[in-house]
mmCIF file of all heavy atoms, coordinates in Angstrom:
data_MODEL
# 
_entry.id   MODEL 
# 
loop_
_atom_site.group_PDB 
_atom_site.id 
_atom_site.type_symbol 
_atom_site.label_atom_id 
_atom_site.label_alt_id 
_atom_site.label_comp_id 
_atom_site.label_asym_id 
_atom_site.label_entity_id 
_atom_site.label_seq_id 
_atom_site.pdbx_PDB_ins_code 
_atom_site.Cartn_x 
_atom_site.Cartn_y 
_atom_site.Cartn_z 
_atom_site.occupancy 
_atom_site.B_iso_or_equiv 
_atom_site.pdbx_formal_charge 
_atom_site.auth_seq_id 
_atom_site.auth_comp_id 
_atom_site.auth_asym_id 
_atom_site.auth_atom_id 
_atom_site.pdbx_PDB_model_num 
ATOM 1   N N   . ALA A 1 1  ? 96.688  44.212 150.482 1.00 0.00 ? 1  ALA A N   1 
ATOM 2   C CA  . ALA A 1 1  ? 98.075  44.136 149.866 1.00 0.00 ? 1  ALA A CA  1 
ATOM 3   C C   . ALA A 1 1  ? 98.054  44.483 148.477 1.00 0.00 ? 1  ALA A C   1 
ATOM 4   O O   . ALA A 1 1  ? 97.021  44.278 147.724 1.00 0.00 ? 1  ALA A O   1 
ATOM 5   C CB  . ALA A 1 1  ? 98.646  42.797 150.095 1.00 0.00 ? 1  ALA A CB  1 
ATOM 6   N N   . LYS A 1 2  ? 99.151  45.196 147.996 1.00 0.00 ? 2  LYS A N   1 
ATOM 7   C CA  . LYS A 1 2  ? 99.297  45.539 146.617 1.00 0.00 ? 2  LYS A CA  1 
ATOM 8   C C   . LYS A 1 2  ? 100.277 44.455 146.074 1.00 0.00 ? 2  LYS A C   1 
ATOM 9   O O   . LYS A 1 2  ? 101.450 44.641 146.089 1.00 0.00 ? 2  LYS A O   1 
ATOM 10  C CB  . LYS A 1 2  ? 99.912  46.902 146.337 1.00 0.00 ? 2  LYS A CB  1 
ATOM 11  C CG  . LYS A 1 2  ? 99.113  48.009 146.867 1.00 0.00 ? 2  LYS A CG  1 
ATOM 12  C CD  . LYS A 1 2  ? 99.689  49.397 146.880 1.00 0.00 ? 2  LYS A CD  1 
ATOM 13  C CE  . LYS A 1 2  ? 98.844  50.502 147.474 1.00 0.00 ? 2  LYS A CE  1 
ATOM 14  N NZ  . LYS A 1 2  ? 99.587  51.833 147.531 1.00 0.00 ? 2  LYS A NZ  1 
ATOM 15  N N   . LYS A 1 3  ? 99.615  43.308 145.570 1.00 0.00 ? 3  LYS A N   1 
ATOM 16  C CA  . LYS A 1 3  ? 100.487 42.211 145.140 1.00 0.00 ? 3  LYS A CA  1 
ATOM 17  C C   . LYS A 1 3  ? 100.876 42.551 143.674 1.00 0.00 ? 3  LYS A C   1 
ATOM 18  O O   . LYS A 1 3  ? 100.150 42.781 142.749 1.00 0.00 ? 3  LYS A O   1 
ATOM 19  C CB  . LYS A 1 3  ? 99.578  40.964 145.141 1.00 0.00 ? 3  LYS A CB  1 
ATOM 20  C CG  . LYS A 1 3  ? 100.299 39.734 144.647 1.00 0.00 ? 3  LYS A CG  1 
ATOM 21  C CD  . LYS A 1 3  ? 99.341  38.502 144.696 1.00 0.00 ? 3  LYS A CD  1 
ATOM 22  C CE  . LYS A 1 3  ? 100.001 37.272 144.133 1.00 0.00 ? 3  LYS A CE  1 
ATOM 23  N NZ  . LYS A 1 3  ? 99.102  36.124 144.025 1.00 0.00 ? 3  LYS A NZ  1 
ATOM 24  N N   . LEU A 1 4  ? 102.251 42.455 143.530 1.00 0.00 ? 4  LEU A N   1 
ATOM 25  C CA  . LEU A 1 4  ? 102.874 42.725 142.191 1.00 0.00 ? 4  LEU A CA  1 
ATOM 26  C C   . LEU A 1 4  ? 102.633 41.671 141.202 1.00 0.00 ? 4  LEU A C   1 
ATOM 27  O O   . LEU A 1 4  ? 102.621 40.397 141.500 1.00 0.00 ? 4  LEU A O   1 
ATOM 28  C CB  . LEU A 1 4  ? 104.347 42.973 142.313 1.00 0.00 ? 4  LEU A CB  1 
ATOM 29  C CG  . LEU A 1 4  ? 104.765 44.237 143.165 1.00 0.00 ? 4  LEU A CG  1 
ATOM 30  C CD1 . LEU A 1 4  ? 106.171 44.292 143.470 1.00 0.00 ? 4  LEU A CD1 1 
ATOM 31  C CD2 . LEU A 1 4  ? 104.425 45.551 142.263 1.00 0.00 ? 4  LEU A CD2 1 
ATOM 32  N N   . LYS A 1 5  ? 102.394 42.070 139.986 1.00 0.00 ? 5  LYS A N   1 
ATOM 33  C CA  . LYS A 1 5  ? 102.274 41.011 138.912 1.00 0.00 ? 5  LYS A CA  1 
ATOM 34  C C   . LYS A 1 5  ? 103.581 40.917 138.075 1.00 0.00 ? 5  LYS A C   1 
ATOM 35  O O   . LYS A 1 5  ? 104.037 41.915 137.412 1.00 0.00 ? 5  LYS A O   1 
ATOM 36  C CB  . LYS A 1 5  ? 101.156 41.509 137.932 1.00 0.00 ? 5  LYS A CB  1 
ATOM 37  C CG  . LYS A 1 5  ? 99.778  41.581 138.596 1.00 0.00 ? 5  LYS A CG  1 
ATOM 38  C CD  . LYS A 1 5  ? 98.801  42.149 137.591 1.00 0.00 ? 5  LYS A CD  1 
ATOM 39  C CE  . LYS A 1 5  ? 97.354  42.185 138.158 1.00 0.00 ? 5  LYS A CE  1 
ATOM 40  N NZ  . LYS A 1 5  ? 96.407  42.785 137.180 1.00 0.00 ? 5  LYS A NZ  1 
ATOM 41  N N   . GLY A 1 6  ? 104.303 39.964 138.266 1.00 0.00 ? 6  GLY A N   1 
ATOM 42  C CA  . GLY A 1 6  ? 105.578 39.668 137.604 1.00 0.00 ? 6  GLY A CA  1 
ATOM 43  C C   . GLY A 1 6  ? 106.565 40.700 138.061 1.00 0.00 ? 6  GLY A C   1 
ATOM 44  O O   . GLY A 1 6  ? 106.580 41.000 139.246 1.00 0.00 ? 6  GLY A O   1 
ATOM 45  N N   . ASP A 1 7  ? 107.512 41.144 137.182 1.00 0.00 ? 7  ASP A N   1 
ATOM 46  C CA  . ASP A 1 7  ? 108.638 41.930 137.610 1.00 0.00 ? 7  ASP A CA  1 
ATOM 47  C C   . ASP A 1 7  ? 108.451 43.402 137.469 1.00 0.00 ? 7  ASP A C   1 
ATOM 48  O O   . ASP A 1 7  ? 109.290 44.248 137.859 1.00 0.00 ? 7  ASP A O   1 
ATOM 49  C CB  . ASP A 1 7  ? 109.924 41.541 136.849 1.00 0.00 ? 7  ASP A CB  1 
ATOM 50  C CG  . ASP A 1 7  ? 110.279 40.103 137.082 1.00 0.00 ? 7  ASP A CG  1 
ATOM 51  O OD1 . ASP A 1 7  ? 110.126 39.573 138.328 1.00 0.00 ? 7  ASP A OD1 1 
ATOM 52  O OD2 . ASP A 1 7  ? 110.893 39.405 136.210 1.00 0.00 ? 7  ASP A OD2 1 
ATOM 53  N N   . GLY A 1 8  ? 107.286 43.790 136.867 1.00 0.00 ? 8  GLY A N   1 
ATOM 54  C CA  . GLY A 1 8  ? 107.024 45.189 136.667 1.00 0.00 ? 8  GLY A CA  1 
ATOM 55  C C   . GLY A 1 8  ? 106.456 45.937 137.863 1.00 0.00 ? 8  GLY A C   1 
ATOM 56  O O   . GLY A 1 8  ? 106.554 45.442 138.970 1.00 0.00 ? 8  GLY A O   1 
ATOM 57  N N   . ASP A 1 9  ? 105.845 47.096 137.569 1.00 0.00 ? 9  ASP A N   1 
ATOM 58  C CA  . ASP A 1 9  ? 105.187 47.890 138.693 1.00 0.00 ? 9  ASP A CA  1 
ATOM 59  C C   . ASP A 1 9  ? 103.662 47.610 138.844 1.00 0.00 ? 9  ASP A C   1 
ATOM 60  O O   . ASP A 1 9  ? 103.049 48.134 139.666 1.00 0.00 ? 9  ASP A O   1 
ATOM 61  C CB  . ASP A 1 9  ? 105.439 49.370 138.343 1.00 0.00 ? 9  ASP A CB  1 
ATOM 62  C CG  . ASP A 1 9  ? 106.944 49.726 138.439 1.00 0.00 ? 9  ASP A CG  1 
ATOM 63  O OD1 . ASP A 1 9  ? 107.597 49.012 139.224 1.00 0.00 ? 9  ASP A OD1 1 
ATOM 64  O OD2 . ASP A 1 9  ? 107.380 50.647 137.704 1.00 0.00 ? 9  ASP A OD2 1 
ATOM 65  N N   . ALA A 1 10 ? 103.197 46.822 137.995 1.00 0.00 ? 10 ALA A N   1 
ATOM 66  C CA  . ALA A 1 10 ? 101.721 46.521 138.041 1.00 0.00 ? 10 ALA A CA  1 
ATOM 67  C C   . ALA A 1 10 ? 101.409 45.740 139.112 1.00 0.00 ? 10 ALA A C   1 
ATOM 68  O O   . ALA A 1 10 ? 102.141 44.820 139.446 1.00 0.00 ? 10 ALA A O   1 
ATOM 69  C CB  . ALA A 1 10 ? 101.298 45.835 136.612 1.00 0.00 ? 10 ALA A CB  1 
ATOM 70  N N   . TYR A 1 11 ? 100.210 46.082 139.791 1.00 0.00 ? 11 TYR A N   1 
ATOM 71  C CA  . TYR A 1 11 ? 99.792  45.253 140.986 1.00 0.00 ? 11 TYR A CA  1 
ATOM 72  C C   . TYR A 1 11 ? 98.383  45.168 141.087 1.00 0.00 ? 11 TYR A C   1 
ATOM 73  O O   . TYR A 1 11 ? 97.570  45.956 140.428 1.00 0.00 ? 11 TYR A O   1 
ATOM 74  C CB  . TYR A 1 11 ? 100.435 45.909 142.224 1.00 0.00 ? 11 TYR A CB  1 
ATOM 75  C CG  . TYR A 1 11 ? 99.812  47.265 142.583 1.00 0.00 ? 11 TYR A CG  1 
ATOM 76  C CD1 . TYR A 1 11 ? 98.650  47.500 143.166 1.00 0.00 ? 11 TYR A CD1 1 
ATOM 77  C CD2 . TYR A 1 11 ? 100.584 48.469 142.262 1.00 0.00 ? 11 TYR A CD2 1 
ATOM 78  C CE1 . TYR A 1 11 ? 98.194  48.773 143.440 1.00 0.00 ? 11 TYR A CE1 1 
ATOM 79  C CE2 . TYR A 1 11 ? 100.146 49.743 142.467 1.00 0.00 ? 11 TYR A CE2 1 
ATOM 80  C CZ  . TYR A 1 11 ? 98.893  49.856 143.059 1.00 0.00 ? 11 TYR A CZ  1 
ATOM 81  O OH  . TYR A 1 11 ? 98.408  51.110 143.403 1.00 0.00 ? 11 TYR A OH  1 
ATOM 82  N N   . GLU A 1 12 ? 97.917  44.341 141.916 1.00 0.00 ? 12 GLU A N   1 
ATOM 83  C CA  . GLU A 1 12 ? 96.471  44.201 142.149 1.00 0.00 ? 12 GLU A CA  1 
ATOM 84  C C   . GLU A 1 12 ? 96.153  44.302 143.614 1.00 0.00 ? 12 GLU A C   1 
ATOM 85  O O   . GLU A 1 12 ? 96.969  43.734 144.442 1.00 0.00 ? 12 GLU A O   1 
ATOM 86  C CB  . GLU A 1 12 ? 95.947  42.741 141.599 1.00 0.00 ? 12 GLU A CB  1 
ATOM 87  C CG  . GLU A 1 12 ? 96.624  41.597 142.207 1.00 0.00 ? 12 GLU A CG  1 
ATOM 88  C CD  . GLU A 1 12 ? 96.036  40.264 141.498 1.00 0.00 ? 12 GLU A CD  1 
ATOM 89  O OE1 . GLU A 1 12 ? 94.793  40.275 141.222 1.00 0.00 ? 12 GLU A OE1 1 
ATOM 90  O OE2 . GLU A 1 12 ? 96.738  39.313 141.534 1.00 0.00 ? 12 GLU A OE2 1 
ATOM 91  N N   . ASN A 1 13 ? 95.124  44.822 144.040 1.00 0.00 ? 13 ASN A N   1 
ATOM 92  C CA  . ASN A 1 13 ? 94.812  44.853 145.487 1.00 0.00 ? 13 ASN A CA  1 
ATOM 93  C C   . ASN A 1 13 ? 94.040  43.513 145.919 1.00 0.00 ? 13 ASN A C   1 
ATOM 94  O O   . ASN A 1 13 ? 93.101  43.091 145.351 1.00 0.00 ? 13 ASN A O   1 
ATOM 95  C CB  . ASN A 1 13 ? 93.788  45.992 145.798 1.00 0.00 ? 13 ASN A CB  1 
ATOM 96  C CG  . ASN A 1 13 ? 94.628  47.343 145.695 1.00 0.00 ? 13 ASN A CG  1 
ATOM 97  O OD1 . ASN A 1 13 ? 95.567  47.584 146.304 1.00 0.00 ? 13 ASN A OD1 1 
ATOM 98  N ND2 . ASN A 1 13 ? 94.020  48.283 144.786 1.00 0.00 ? 13 ASN A ND2 1 
ATOM 99  N N   . VAL A 1 14 ? 94.641  42.848 146.965 1.00 0.00 ? 14 VAL A N   1 
ATOM 100 C CA  . VAL A 1 14 ? 94.121  41.571 147.409 1.00 0.00 ? 14 VAL A CA  1 
ATOM 101 C C   . VAL A 1 14 ? 94.155  41.611 148.928 1.00 0.00 ? 14 VAL A C   1 
ATOM 102 O O   . VAL A 1 14 ? 94.852  42.392 149.568 1.00 0.00 ? 14 VAL A O   1 
ATOM 103 C CB  . VAL A 1 14 ? 94.984  40.421 146.901 1.00 0.00 ? 14 VAL A CB  1 
ATOM 104 C CG1 . VAL A 1 14 ? 94.984  40.309 145.439 1.00 0.00 ? 14 VAL A CG1 1 
ATOM 105 C CG2 . VAL A 1 14 ? 96.429  40.500 147.557 1.00 0.00 ? 14 VAL A CG2 1 
ATOM 106 N N   . PRO A 1 15 ? 93.239  40.887 149.552 1.00 0.00 ? 15 PRO A N   1 
ATOM 107 C CA  . PRO A 1 15 ? 93.210  40.775 151.037 1.00 0.00 ? 15 PRO A CA  1 
ATOM 108 C C   . PRO A 1 15 ? 94.597  40.152 151.547 1.00 0.00 ? 15 PRO A C   1 
ATOM 109 O O   . PRO A 1 15 ? 95.135  39.255 150.808 1.00 0.00 ? 15 PRO A O   1 
ATOM 110 C CB  . PRO A 1 15 ? 92.149  39.810 151.332 1.00 0.00 ? 15 PRO A CB  1 
ATOM 111 C CG  . PRO A 1 15 ? 91.282  39.896 150.114 1.00 0.00 ? 15 PRO A CG  1 
ATOM 112 C CD  . PRO A 1 15 ? 92.142  40.077 148.935 1.00 0.00 ? 15 PRO A CD  1 
ATOM 113 N N   . ALA A 1 16 ? 95.061  40.584 152.608 1.00 0.00 ? 16 ALA A N   1 
ATOM 114 C CA  . ALA A 1 16 ? 96.272  40.032 153.185 1.00 0.00 ? 16 ALA A CA  1 
ATOM 115 C C   . ALA A 1 16 ? 96.231  38.555 153.366 1.00 0.00 ? 16 ALA A C   1 
ATOM 116 O O   . ALA A 1 16 ? 97.218  37.809 153.292 1.00 0.00 ? 16 ALA A O   1 
ATOM 117 C CB  . ALA A 1 16 ? 96.713  40.723 154.387 1.00 0.00 ? 16 ALA A CB  1 
ATOM 118 N N   . SER A 1 17 ? 95.049  38.121 153.628 1.00 0.00 ? 17 SER A N   1 
ATOM 119 C CA  . SER A 1 17 ? 94.803  36.656 153.877 1.00 0.00 ? 17 SER A CA  1 
ATOM 120 C C   . SER A 1 17 ? 95.001  35.861 152.653 1.00 0.00 ? 17 SER A C   1 
ATOM 121 O O   . SER A 1 17 ? 95.141  34.621 152.735 1.00 0.00 ? 17 SER A O   1 
ATOM 122 C CB  . SER A 1 17 ? 93.415  36.399 154.481 1.00 0.00 ? 17 SER A CB  1 
ATOM 123 O OG  . SER A 1 17 ? 92.469  36.895 153.552 1.00 0.00 ? 17 SER A OG  1 
ATOM 124 N N   . ALA A 1 18 ? 95.030  36.388 151.444 1.00 0.00 ? 18 ALA A N   1 
ATOM 125 C CA  . ALA A 1 18 ? 95.248  35.723 150.195 1.00 0.00 ? 18 ALA A CA  1 
ATOM 126 C C   . ALA A 1 18 ? 96.633  35.555 149.889 1.00 0.00 ? 18 ALA A C   1 
ATOM 127 O O   . ALA A 1 18 ? 97.093  34.890 148.912 1.00 0.00 ? 18 ALA A O   1 
ATOM 128 C CB  . ALA A 1 18 ? 94.497  36.460 149.071 1.00 0.00 ? 18 ALA A CB  1 
ATOM 129 N N   . LEU A 1 19 ? 97.650  36.210 150.594 1.00 0.00 ? 19 LEU A N   1 
ATOM 130 C CA  . LEU A 1 19 ? 99.070  36.058 150.310 1.00 0.00 ? 19 LEU A CA  1 
ATOM 131 C C   . LEU A 1 19 ? 99.664  34.842 150.703 1.00 0.00 ? 19 LEU A C   1 
ATOM 132 O O   . LEU A 1 19 ? 99.258  34.203 151.672 1.00 0.00 ? 19 LEU A O   1 
ATOM 133 C CB  . LEU A 1 19 ? 99.764  37.255 151.066 1.00 0.00 ? 19 LEU A CB  1 
ATOM 134 C CG  . LEU A 1 19 ? 99.429  38.742 150.553 1.00 0.00 ? 19 LEU A CG  1 
ATOM 135 C CD1 . LEU A 1 19 ? 100.144 39.737 151.482 1.00 0.00 ? 19 LEU A CD1 1 
ATOM 136 C CD2 . LEU A 1 19 ? 99.767  38.940 149.132 1.00 0.00 ? 19 LEU A CD2 1 
ATOM 137 N N   . ARG A 1 20 ? 100.587 34.346 149.985 1.00 0.00 ? 20 ARG A N   1 
ATOM 138 C CA  . ARG A 1 20 ? 101.337 33.084 150.256 1.00 0.00 ? 20 ARG A CA  1 
ATOM 139 C C   . ARG A 1 20 ? 102.807 33.299 150.159 1.00 0.00 ? 20 ARG A C   1 
ATOM 140 O O   . ARG A 1 20 ? 103.324 34.348 149.656 1.00 0.00 ? 20 ARG A O   1 
ATOM 141 C CB  . ARG A 1 20 ? 100.912 32.063 149.194 1.00 0.00 ? 20 ARG A CB  1 
ATOM 142 C CG  . ARG A 1 20 ? 99.444  31.619 149.220 1.00 0.00 ? 20 ARG A CG  1 
ATOM 143 C CD  . ARG A 1 20 ? 99.100  30.863 150.549 1.00 0.00 ? 20 ARG A CD  1 
ATOM 144 N NE  . ARG A 1 20 ? 97.789  30.472 150.580 1.00 0.00 ? 20 ARG A NE  1 
ATOM 145 C CZ  . ARG A 1 20 ? 96.706  31.170 151.067 1.00 0.00 ? 20 ARG A CZ  1 
ATOM 146 N NH1 . ARG A 1 20 ? 96.858  32.397 151.471 1.00 0.00 ? 20 ARG A NH1 1 
ATOM 147 N NH2 . ARG A 1 20 ? 95.526  30.658 151.086 1.00 0.00 ? 20 ARG A NH2 1 
ATOM 148 N N   . VAL A 1 21 ? 103.440 32.418 150.738 1.00 0.00 ? 21 VAL A N   1 
ATOM 149 C CA  . VAL A 1 21 ? 104.985 32.509 150.765 1.00 0.00 ? 21 VAL A CA  1 
ATOM 150 C C   . VAL A 1 21 ? 105.531 32.664 149.388 1.00 0.00 ? 21 VAL A C   1 
ATOM 151 O O   . VAL A 1 21 ? 105.176 31.927 148.439 1.00 0.00 ? 21 VAL A O   1 
ATOM 152 C CB  . VAL A 1 21 ? 105.574 31.161 151.439 1.00 0.00 ? 21 VAL A CB  1 
ATOM 153 C CG1 . VAL A 1 21 ? 107.108 31.291 151.277 1.00 0.00 ? 21 VAL A CG1 1 
ATOM 154 C CG2 . VAL A 1 21 ? 105.182 31.192 152.894 1.00 0.00 ? 21 VAL A CG2 1 
ATOM 155 N N   . GLY A 1 22 ? 106.368 33.642 149.190 1.00 0.00 ? 22 GLY A N   1 
ATOM 156 C CA  . GLY A 1 22 ? 107.020 33.906 147.873 1.00 0.00 ? 22 GLY A CA  1 
ATOM 157 C C   . GLY A 1 22 ? 106.294 35.117 147.067 1.00 0.00 ? 22 GLY A C   1 
ATOM 158 O O   . GLY A 1 22 ? 106.984 35.680 146.163 1.00 0.00 ? 22 GLY A O   1 
ATOM 159 N N   . ASP A 1 23 ? 105.154 35.434 147.541 1.00 0.00 ? 23 ASP A N   1 
ATOM 160 C CA  . ASP A 1 23 ? 104.524 36.613 146.897 1.00 0.00 ? 23 ASP A CA  1 
ATOM 161 C C   . ASP A 1 23 ? 105.266 37.916 147.212 1.00 0.00 ? 23 ASP A C   1 
ATOM 162 O O   . ASP A 1 23 ? 105.850 37.968 148.281 1.00 0.00 ? 23 ASP A O   1 
ATOM 163 C CB  . ASP A 1 23 ? 103.015 36.744 147.365 1.00 0.00 ? 23 ASP A CB  1 
ATOM 164 C CG  . ASP A 1 23 ? 102.119 35.607 146.836 1.00 0.00 ? 23 ASP A CG  1 
ATOM 165 O OD1 . ASP A 1 23 ? 102.507 35.035 145.894 1.00 0.00 ? 23 ASP A OD1 1 
ATOM 166 O OD2 . ASP A 1 23 ? 101.099 35.553 147.360 1.00 0.00 ? 23 ASP A OD2 1 
ATOM 167 N N   . VAL A 1 24 ? 105.290 38.775 146.249 1.00 0.00 ? 24 VAL A N   1 
ATOM 168 C CA  . VAL A 1 24 ? 106.024 40.057 146.487 1.00 0.00 ? 24 VAL A CA  1 
ATOM 169 C C   . VAL A 1 24 ? 104.902 41.210 146.440 1.00 0.00 ? 24 VAL A C   1 
ATOM 170 O O   . VAL A 1 24 ? 104.103 41.259 145.378 1.00 0.00 ? 24 VAL A O   1 
ATOM 171 C CB  . VAL A 1 24 ? 107.060 40.382 145.396 1.00 0.00 ? 24 VAL A CB  1 
ATOM 172 C CG1 . VAL A 1 24 ? 107.786 41.668 145.601 1.00 0.00 ? 24 VAL A CG1 1 
ATOM 173 C CG2 . VAL A 1 24 ? 108.112 39.256 145.397 1.00 0.00 ? 24 VAL A CG2 1 
# 
């Protein structure tokens, strides 16, 4: 997943298994 940092366009690549409810 490309998990967004804050409200901007910056993101970090993380495993899908690391995502939690509310992440964008």
